[in-house]
Amino acid sequence: MHIKTLNSRVVARAKQRGIDILVYAPHFVRLPEITARAQRFSDDELLVVPAREIFTGDWRNRRHILSIGLSDPVPDFITLEAALAELDRQGAAVLAPHPEFMNVSLEKPEITAHSARIDAVETYNAKLFPHQNKRGQRIAAEIGDAGFGSSYAHLSTSVGEAWTSIDERIPSDDALVAALKNDVTRRAVHRTGPRHHLQGAIEFAHLGYENTWQKLDRLLLSGTEPTHPRNLLYDGRFDDVSVY
């Protein structure tokens, strides 16, 4: 349901592990580029669905939301309310990845307050530890959501470590959005054993790079990201809800 990297190795591993659909949502990449790359790697065996994990709020108070089925680009660094309103306008599916994880996720009060707008809550993320996944499971149970699972793969070797099983054939991007919004029966599934836990630990270690050197780089370049609201792609539509 959620990967950050996409290349021939990722596709080969997905097919090897019996995955039918990959949701591709890299950070700070424009929607047209994501869509073009998703189409390039889709074939009769594997559907790659373009998506955006939108970075709402500022660097100190980040709230990530995963959106599938966008028709128009949505930038990062806008308020959570503005992002949700725009996704609602576009009819996109809205997912809450890694809830209550560090300072990059929706908290339980926010998920509860916006439960009518949120179509799924992540209940298993292969990158997280068991106690962290249990938080998502409790939140999903309290709002009556079946949840979803994902590898959250930043590394190709993580693809297929966790996935979402949906009791319906999903032949297209629109069908996936409809299944999520209409609460088609689904469940989070994941591999088990020492290798699974080792891969999760490797992915978690990669998080250290993301939140040190890579974050420093982003902070120094803040305002120049391709998905910043002031980028010409957005034609000034989000200037009044930008946090930077």
C-alpha atoms as a PDB file:
ATOM      1  CA  MET A   1       0.000   0.000   0.000  1.00  0.00           C
ATOM      2  CA  HIS A   2       2.941   2.357   0.375  1.00  0.00           C
ATOM      3  CA  ILE A   3       6.434   2.332  -1.105  1.00  0.00           C
ATOM      4  CA  LYS A   4       8.999   5.100  -1.541  1.00  0.00           C
ATOM      5  CA  THR A   5      11.263   3.556  -4.152  1.00  0.00           C
ATOM      6  CA  LEU A   6      10.426   2.216  -7.610  1.00  0.00           C
ATOM      7  CA  ASN A   7      12.750   0.496 -10.061  1.00  0.00           C
ATOM      8  CA  SER A   8      13.161  -2.843 -11.816  1.00  0.00           C
ATOM      9  CA  ARG A   9      14.358  -4.532  -8.601  1.00  0.00           C
ATOM     10  CA  VAL A  10      11.252  -3.368  -6.755  1.00  0.00           C
ATOM     11  CA  VAL A  11       8.982  -4.675  -9.514  1.00  0.00           C
ATOM     12  CA  ALA A  12      10.758  -8.044  -9.637  1.00  0.00           C
ATOM     13  CA  ARG A  13      10.519  -8.482  -5.859  1.00  0.00           C
ATOM     14  CA  ALA A  14       6.840  -7.501  -5.811  1.00  0.00           C
ATOM     15  CA  LYS A  15       6.009 -10.089  -8.463  1.00  0.00           C
ATOM     16  CA  GLN A  16       8.116 -12.721  -6.738  1.00  0.00           C
ATOM     17  CA  ARG A  17       6.170 -12.166  -3.522  1.00  0.00           C
ATOM     18  CA  GLY A  18       2.762 -12.229  -5.176  1.00  0.00           C
ATOM     19  CA  ILE A  19       1.944  -8.539  -4.865  1.00  0.00           C
ATOM     20  CA  ASP A  20      -0.648  -7.320  -7.390  1.00  0.00           C
ATOM     21  CA  ILE A  21      -0.568  -3.582  -6.664  1.00  0.00           C
ATOM     22  CA  LEU A  22       2.077  -1.142  -5.457  1.00  0.00           C
ATOM     23  CA  VAL A  23       1.123   2.322  -4.207  1.00  0.00           C
ATOM     24  CA  TYR A  24       4.073   4.574  -5.036  1.00  0.00           C
ATOM     25  CA  ALA A  25       4.321   7.759  -2.949  1.00  0.00           C
ATOM     26  CA  PRO A  26       7.826   9.253  -2.714  1.00  0.00           C
ATOM     27  CA  HIS A  27       8.457  12.398  -0.669  1.00  0.00           C
ATOM     28  CA  PHE A  28       8.929  15.819  -2.305  1.00  0.00           C
ATOM     29  CA  VAL A  29       8.204  14.600  -5.840  1.00  0.00           C
ATOM     30  CA  ARG A  30       5.611  16.265  -8.038  1.00  0.00           C
ATOM     31  CA  LEU A  31       2.466  14.315  -8.900  1.00  0.00           C
ATOM     32  CA  PRO A  32       3.061  14.351 -12.702  1.00  0.00           C
ATOM     33  CA  GLU A  33       6.494  12.766 -12.171  1.00  0.00           C
ATOM     34  CA  ILE A  34       5.094  10.154  -9.800  1.00  0.00           C
ATOM     35  CA  THR A  35       2.310   9.319 -12.261  1.00  0.00           C
ATOM     36  CA  ALA A  36       4.696   8.992 -15.200  1.00  0.00           C
ATOM     37  CA  ARG A  37       7.003   6.672 -13.266  1.00  0.00           C
ATOM     38  CA  ALA A  38       4.088   4.580 -12.010  1.00  0.00           C
ATOM     39  CA  GLN A  39       2.831   4.124 -15.564  1.00  0.00           C
ATOM     40  CA  ARG A  40       6.325   3.188 -16.754  1.00  0.00           C
ATOM     41  CA  PHE A  41       6.551   0.273 -14.316  1.00  0.00           C
ATOM     42  CA  SER A  42       2.947  -0.967 -14.581  1.00  0.00           C
ATOM     43  CA  ASP A  43       2.183  -4.010 -16.727  1.00  0.00           C
ATOM     44  CA  ASP A  44      -0.338  -6.853 -16.974  1.00  0.00           C
ATOM     45  CA  GLU A  45       1.096  -8.516 -13.844  1.00  0.00           C
ATOM     46  CA  LEU A  46       1.552  -5.490 -11.603  1.00  0.00           C
ATOM     47  CA  LEU A  47      -0.417  -2.250 -11.231  1.00  0.00           C
ATOM     48  CA  VAL A  48       1.584   0.672  -9.845  1.00  0.00           C
ATOM     49  CA  VAL A  49      -0.703   3.354  -8.449  1.00  0.00           C
ATOM     50  CA  PRO A  50       0.606   6.924  -8.088  1.00  0.00           C
ATOM     51  CA  ALA A  51       0.032   8.602  -4.724  1.00  0.00           C
ATOM     52  CA  ARG A  52       1.327  11.394  -2.536  1.00  0.00           C
ATOM     53  CA  GLU A  53       2.311  11.288   1.132  1.00  0.00           C
ATOM     54  CA  ILE A  54       1.576  14.935   1.762  1.00  0.00           C
ATOM     55  CA  PHE A  55       3.761  16.709   4.296  1.00  0.00           C
ATOM     56  CA  THR A  56       1.287  19.005   6.122  1.00  0.00           C
ATOM     57  CA  GLY A  57       2.406  21.519   8.707  1.00  0.00           C
ATOM     58  CA  ASP A  58       5.959  22.711   9.284  1.00  0.00           C
ATOM     59  CA  TRP A  59       9.152  20.831  10.135  1.00  0.00           C
ATOM     60  CA  ARG A  60       8.427  20.914  13.880  1.00  0.00           C
ATOM     61  CA  ASN A  61       4.823  19.741  13.614  1.00  0.00           C
ATOM     62  CA  ARG A  62       4.635  17.426  10.651  1.00  0.00           C
ATOM     63  CA  ARG A  63       1.457  15.492   9.899  1.00  0.00           C
ATOM     64  CA  HIS A  64       1.764  13.082   6.987  1.00  0.00           C
ATOM     65  CA  ILE A  65      -1.320  11.942   5.100  1.00  0.00           C
ATOM     66  CA  LEU A  66      -1.301   9.455   2.238  1.00  0.00           C
ATOM     67  CA  SER A  67      -3.569  10.374  -0.672  1.00  0.00           C
ATOM     68  CA  ILE A  68      -4.537   8.047  -3.523  1.00  0.00           C
ATOM     69  CA  GLY A  69      -6.545   9.114  -6.564  1.00  0.00           C
ATOM     70  CA  LEU A  70      -5.407  12.699  -6.950  1.00  0.00           C
ATOM     71  CA  SER A  71      -6.474  14.469 -10.129  1.00  0.00           C
ATOM     72  CA  ASP A  72      -4.579  17.696  -9.395  1.00  0.00           C
ATOM     73  CA  PRO A  73      -1.254  18.296  -7.643  1.00  0.00           C
ATOM     74  CA  VAL A  74      -1.306  19.134  -3.938  1.00  0.00           C
ATOM     75  CA  PRO A  75       1.803  20.672  -2.324  1.00  0.00           C
ATOM     76  CA  ASP A  76       3.551  19.971   0.944  1.00  0.00           C
ATOM     77  CA  PHE A  77       3.870  22.593   3.720  1.00  0.00           C
ATOM     78  CA  ILE A  78       0.191  23.506   3.878  1.00  0.00           C
ATOM     79  CA  THR A  79      -2.164  23.169   6.828  1.00  0.00           C
ATOM     80  CA  LEU A  80      -3.754  19.811   7.586  1.00  0.00           C
ATOM     81  CA  GLU A  81      -7.255  21.242   7.234  1.00  0.00           C
ATOM     82  CA  ALA A  82      -6.438  22.726   3.840  1.00  0.00           C
ATOM     83  CA  ALA A  83      -4.974  19.448   2.610  1.00  0.00           C
ATOM     84  CA  LEU A  84      -7.996  17.450   3.760  1.00  0.00           C
ATOM     85  CA  ALA A  85     -10.368  19.931   2.149  1.00  0.00           C
ATOM     86  CA  GLU A  86      -8.496  19.714  -1.169  1.00  0.00           C
ATOM     87  CA  LEU A  87      -8.426  15.906  -1.117  1.00  0.00           C
ATOM     88  CA  ASP A  88     -12.148  15.897  -0.373  1.00  0.00           C
ATOM     89  CA  ARG A  89     -12.728  18.202  -3.348  1.00  0.00           C
ATOM     90  CA  GLN A  90     -10.824  15.807  -5.609  1.00  0.00           C
ATOM     91  CA  GLY A  91     -12.532  12.688  -4.252  1.00  0.00           C
ATOM     92  CA  ALA A  92      -9.199  11.124  -3.319  1.00  0.00           C
ATOM     93  CA  ALA A  93      -8.825   8.389  -0.727  1.00  0.00           C
ATOM     94  CA  VAL A  94      -7.189   9.649   2.474  1.00  0.00           C
ATOM     95  CA  LEU A  95      -5.064   7.313   4.590  1.00  0.00           C
ATOM     96  CA  ALA A  96      -3.299   7.849   7.912  1.00  0.00           C
ATOM     97  CA  PRO A  97       0.160   6.238   7.746  1.00  0.00           C
ATOM     98  CA  HIS A  98       2.182   5.319  10.876  1.00  0.00           C
ATOM     99  CA  PRO A  99      -0.229   7.004  13.343  1.00  0.00           C
ATOM    100  CA  GLU A 100       1.312   8.626  16.439  1.00  0.00           C
ATOM    101  CA  PHE A 101       4.843   7.896  15.213  1.00  0.00           C
ATOM    102  CA  MET A 102       7.354  10.529  16.330  1.00  0.00           C
ATOM    103  CA  ASN A 103       6.329  14.019  15.149  1.00  0.00           C
ATOM    104  CA  VAL A 104       5.476  13.035  11.568  1.00  0.00           C
ATOM    105  CA  SER A 105       2.059  11.482  12.033  1.00  0.00           C
ATOM    106  CA  LEU A 106      -1.538  12.173  12.829  1.00  0.00           C
ATOM    107  CA  GLU A 107      -2.296  11.785  16.528  1.00  0.00           C
ATOM    108  CA  LYS A 108      -5.323   9.935  17.874  1.00  0.00           C
ATOM    109  CA  PRO A 109      -7.361  13.134  18.575  1.00  0.00           C
ATOM    110  CA  GLU A 110      -6.753  14.336  15.012  1.00  0.00           C
ATOM    111  CA  ILE A 111      -7.726  10.983  13.493  1.00  0.00           C
ATOM    112  CA  THR A 112     -10.846  10.869  15.646  1.00  0.00           C
ATOM    113  CA  ALA A 113     -11.797  14.439  14.774  1.00  0.00           C
ATOM    114  CA  HIS A 114     -11.341  13.790  11.039  1.00  0.00           C
ATOM    115  CA  SER A 115     -12.531  10.163  10.975  1.00  0.00           C
ATOM    116  CA  ALA A 116     -15.278  10.999   8.455  1.00  0.00           C
ATOM    117  CA  ARG A 117     -12.582  12.180   6.027  1.00  0.00           C
ATOM    118  CA  ILE A 118     -10.015   9.443   6.705  1.00  0.00           C
ATOM    119  CA  ASP A 119     -10.651   6.234   4.778  1.00  0.00           C
ATOM    120  CA  ALA A 120      -8.047   3.973   6.394  1.00  0.00           C
ATOM    121  CA  VAL A 121      -5.576   3.903   9.284  1.00  0.00           C
ATOM    122  CA  GLU A 122      -2.317   1.988   9.036  1.00  0.00           C
ATOM    123  CA  THR A 123      -2.320  -0.930  11.465  1.00  0.00           C
ATOM    124  CA  TYR A 124       0.921  -2.618  10.387  1.00  0.00           C
ATOM    125  CA  ASN A 125       4.013  -0.877   9.085  1.00  0.00           C
ATOM    126  CA  ALA A 126       6.973  -3.174   8.444  1.00  0.00           C
ATOM    127  CA  LYS A 127       9.339  -0.380   9.458  1.00  0.00           C
ATOM    128  CA  LEU A 128       7.912  -0.025  12.972  1.00  0.00           C
ATOM    129  CA  PHE A 129       8.246  -2.033  16.170  1.00  0.00           C
ATOM    130  CA  PRO A 130       5.327  -4.083  17.592  1.00  0.00           C
ATOM    131  CA  HIS A 131       4.352  -1.556  20.271  1.00  0.00           C
ATOM    132  CA  GLN A 132       4.237   1.172  17.630  1.00  0.00           C
ATOM    133  CA  ASN A 133       1.985  -0.874  15.349  1.00  0.00           C
ATOM    134  CA  LYS A 134      -0.311  -1.671  18.276  1.00  0.00           C
ATOM    135  CA  ARG A 135      -1.058   2.031  18.649  1.00  0.00           C
ATOM    136  CA  GLY A 136      -2.365   2.122  15.092  1.00  0.00           C
ATOM    137  CA  GLN A 137      -4.387  -1.029  15.679  1.00  0.00           C
ATOM    138  CA  ARG A 138      -6.042   0.466  18.759  1.00  0.00           C
ATOM    139  CA  ILE A 139      -6.892   3.695  16.950  1.00  0.00           C
ATOM    140  CA  ALA A 140      -8.338   1.860  13.938  1.00  0.00           C
ATOM    141  CA  ALA A 141     -10.425  -0.365  16.202  1.00  0.00           C
ATOM    142  CA  GLU A 142     -11.807   2.623  18.102  1.00  0.00           C
ATOM    143  CA  ILE A 143     -12.998   4.395  14.953  1.00  0.00           C
ATOM    144  CA  GLY A 144     -14.235   1.141  13.376  1.00  0.00           C
ATOM    145  CA  ASP A 145     -11.698   0.925  10.553  1.00  0.00           C
ATOM    146  CA  ALA A 146     -10.318  -2.339   9.160  1.00  0.00           C
ATOM    147  CA  GLY A 147      -6.903  -0.748   8.748  1.00  0.00           C
ATOM    148  CA  PHE A 148      -4.217  -1.398   6.182  1.00  0.00           C
ATOM    149  CA  GLY A 149      -0.679  -2.747   6.098  1.00  0.00           C
ATOM    150  CA  SER A 150       2.343  -1.613   4.131  1.00  0.00           C
ATOM    151  CA  SER A 151       6.019  -2.312   3.725  1.00  0.00           C
ATOM    152  CA  TYR A 152       6.686   1.458   3.712  1.00  0.00           C
ATOM    153  CA  ALA A 153       9.665   0.387   1.627  1.00  0.00           C
ATOM    154  CA  HIS A 154      12.433   2.930   1.242  1.00  0.00           C
ATOM    155  CA  LEU A 155      14.673   0.001   0.263  1.00  0.00           C
ATOM    156  CA  SER A 156      13.827  -2.473  -2.507  1.00  0.00           C
ATOM    157  CA  THR A 157      14.527  -5.428  -0.193  1.00  0.00           C
ATOM    158  CA  SER A 158      11.573  -4.412   2.002  1.00  0.00           C
ATOM    159  CA  VAL A 159       8.916  -4.742  -0.695  1.00  0.00           C
ATOM    160  CA  GLY A 160       6.440  -7.484   0.186  1.00  0.00           C
ATOM    161  CA  GLU A 161       7.290  -7.567   3.899  1.00  0.00           C
ATOM    162  CA  ALA A 162       3.760  -6.331   4.626  1.00  0.00           C
ATOM    163  CA  TRP A 163       0.722  -5.729   2.455  1.00  0.00           C
ATOM    164  CA  THR A 164      -3.048  -5.249   2.422  1.00  0.00           C
ATOM    165  CA  SER A 165      -5.368  -8.030   1.314  1.00  0.00           C
ATOM    166  CA  ILE A 166      -8.604  -6.768  -0.268  1.00  0.00           C
ATOM    167  CA  ASP A 167     -11.534  -9.093  -0.948  1.00  0.00           C
ATOM    168  CA  GLU A 168     -12.226  -7.688  -4.384  1.00  0.00           C
ATOM    169  CA  ARG A 169     -10.453  -7.528  -7.733  1.00  0.00           C
ATOM    170  CA  ILE A 170      -8.732  -4.157  -8.176  1.00  0.00           C
ATOM    171  CA  PRO A 171      -8.036  -3.575 -11.899  1.00  0.00           C
ATOM    172  CA  SER A 172      -7.339   0.175 -11.789  1.00  0.00           C
ATOM    173  CA  ASP A 173      -6.387   3.201  -9.712  1.00  0.00           C
ATOM    174  CA  ASP A 174     -10.040   4.252  -9.507  1.00  0.00           C
ATOM    175  CA  ALA A 175     -11.063   0.794  -8.311  1.00  0.00           C
ATOM    176  CA  LEU A 176      -8.549   0.997  -5.461  1.00  0.00           C
ATOM    177  CA  VAL A 177      -9.836   4.414  -4.414  1.00  0.00           C
ATOM    178  CA  ALA A 178     -13.422   3.123  -4.505  1.00  0.00           C
ATOM    179  CA  ALA A 179     -12.531   0.041  -2.457  1.00  0.00           C
ATOM    180  CA  LEU A 180     -10.911   2.175   0.233  1.00  0.00           C
ATOM    181  CA  LYS A 181     -13.694   4.744   0.343  1.00  0.00           C
ATOM    182  CA  ASN A 182     -16.438   2.110   0.326  1.00  0.00           C
ATOM    183  CA  ASP A 183     -14.879  -0.001   3.085  1.00  0.00           C
ATOM    184  CA  VAL A 184     -14.459  -3.139   0.995  1.00  0.00           C
ATOM    185  CA  THR A 185     -13.276  -5.925   3.300  1.00  0.00           C
ATOM    186  CA  ARG A 186      -9.525  -5.730   3.809  1.00  0.00           C
ATOM    187  CA  ARG A 187      -6.879  -6.821   6.279  1.00  0.00           C
ATOM    188  CA  ALA A 188      -3.244  -6.130   6.998  1.00  0.00           C
ATOM    189  CA  VAL A 189      -0.913  -9.083   6.371  1.00  0.00           C
ATOM    190  CA  HIS A 190       2.820  -9.425   6.973  1.00  0.00           C
ATOM    191  CA  ARG A 191       5.661 -11.865   6.850  1.00  0.00           C
ATOM    192  CA  THR A 192       7.066 -13.304  10.076  1.00  0.00           C
ATOM    193  CA  GLY A 193      10.297 -14.697  11.411  1.00  0.00           C
ATOM    194  CA  PRO A 194      13.826 -13.411  12.020  1.00  0.00           C
ATOM    195  CA  ARG A 195      14.404 -12.202   8.450  1.00  0.00           C
ATOM    196  CA  HIS A 196      11.247 -10.102   8.546  1.00  0.00           C
ATOM    197  CA  HIS A 197      12.259  -8.464  11.820  1.00  0.00           C
ATOM    198  CA  LEU A 198      15.814  -7.918  10.567  1.00  0.00           C
ATOM    199  CA  GLN A 199      14.539  -6.166   7.441  1.00  0.00           C
ATOM    200  CA  GLY A 200      12.321  -3.987   9.607  1.00  0.00           C
ATOM    201  CA  ALA A 201      15.326  -3.059  11.732  1.00  0.00           C
ATOM    202  CA  ILE A 202      17.330  -2.183   8.615  1.00  0.00           C
ATOM    203  CA  GLU A 203      14.496   0.050   7.410  1.00  0.00           C
ATOM    204  CA  PHE A 204      14.254   1.683  10.837  1.00  0.00           C
ATOM    205  CA  ALA A 205      17.984   2.376  10.787  1.00  0.00           C
ATOM    206  CA  HIS A 206      17.511   4.049   7.405  1.00  0.00           C
ATOM    207  CA  LEU A 207      15.136   6.399   9.205  1.00  0.00           C
ATOM    208  CA  GLY A 208      18.146   7.778  11.066  1.00  0.00           C
ATOM    209  CA  TYR A 209      19.604   9.015   7.787  1.00  0.00           C
ATOM    210  CA  GLU A 210      16.285  10.543   6.784  1.00  0.00           C
ATOM    211  CA  ASN A 211      16.013  12.472  10.016  1.00  0.00           C
ATOM    212  CA  THR A 212      19.607  13.678  10.315  1.00  0.00           C
ATOM    213  CA  TRP A 213      21.605  14.462   7.184  1.00  0.00           C
ATOM    214  CA  GLN A 214      18.674  14.379   4.786  1.00  0.00           C
ATOM    215  CA  LYS A 215      16.546  16.507   7.105  1.00  0.00           C
ATOM    216  CA  LEU A 216      19.407  19.017   7.514  1.00  0.00           C
ATOM    217  CA  ASP A 217      19.666  19.225   3.749  1.00  0.00           C
ATOM    218  CA  ARG A 218      15.927  19.896   3.459  1.00  0.00           C
ATOM    219  CA  LEU A 219      16.024  22.545   6.186  1.00  0.00           C
ATOM    220  CA  LEU A 220      18.864  24.376   4.477  1.00  0.00           C
ATOM    221  CA  LEU A 221      16.974  24.251   1.195  1.00  0.00           C
ATOM    222  CA  SER A 222      13.513  24.891   2.671  1.00  0.00           C
ATOM    223  CA  GLY A 223      11.414  26.821   0.190  1.00  0.00           C
ATOM    224  CA  THR A 224      13.071  25.296  -2.869  1.00  0.00           C
ATOM    225  CA  GLU A 225      11.444  21.853  -2.741  1.00  0.00           C
ATOM    226  CA  PRO A 226       9.613  20.887  -5.957  1.00  0.00           C
ATOM    227  CA  THR A 227       6.432  20.415  -3.894  1.00  0.00           C
ATOM    228  CA  HIS A 228       6.602  23.755  -2.057  1.00  0.00           C
ATOM    229  CA  PRO A 229       3.333  25.760  -2.351  1.00  0.00           C
ATOM    230  CA  ARG A 230       5.164  28.615  -4.072  1.00  0.00           C
ATOM    231  CA  ASN A 231       6.246  26.356  -6.926  1.00  0.00           C
ATOM    232  CA  LEU A 232       4.799  27.464 -10.274  1.00  0.00           C
ATOM    233  CA  LEU A 233       3.094  24.070 -10.596  1.00  0.00           C
ATOM    234  CA  TYR A 234       0.480  25.178  -8.035  1.00  0.00           C
ATOM    235  CA  ASP A 235      -0.207  28.557  -9.660  1.00  0.00           C
ATOM    236  CA  GLY A 236      -0.564  30.337  -6.299  1.00  0.00           C
ATOM    237  CA  ARG A 237      -3.666  28.332  -5.326  1.00  0.00           C
ATOM    238  CA  PHE A 238      -2.246  27.384  -1.917  1.00  0.00           C
ATOM    239  CA  ASP A 239      -0.452  30.588  -0.955  1.00  0.00           C
ATOM    240  CA  ASP A 240      -3.039  31.467   1.701  1.00  0.00           C
ATOM    241  CA  VAL A 241      -2.704  28.074   3.473  1.00  0.00           C
ATOM    242  CA  SER A 242       1.085  27.730   3.219  1.00  0.00           C
ATOM    243  CA  VAL A 243       2.959  27.400   6.524  1.00  0.00           C
ATOM    244  CA  TYR A 244       6.190  28.765   4.969  1.00  0.00           C
END
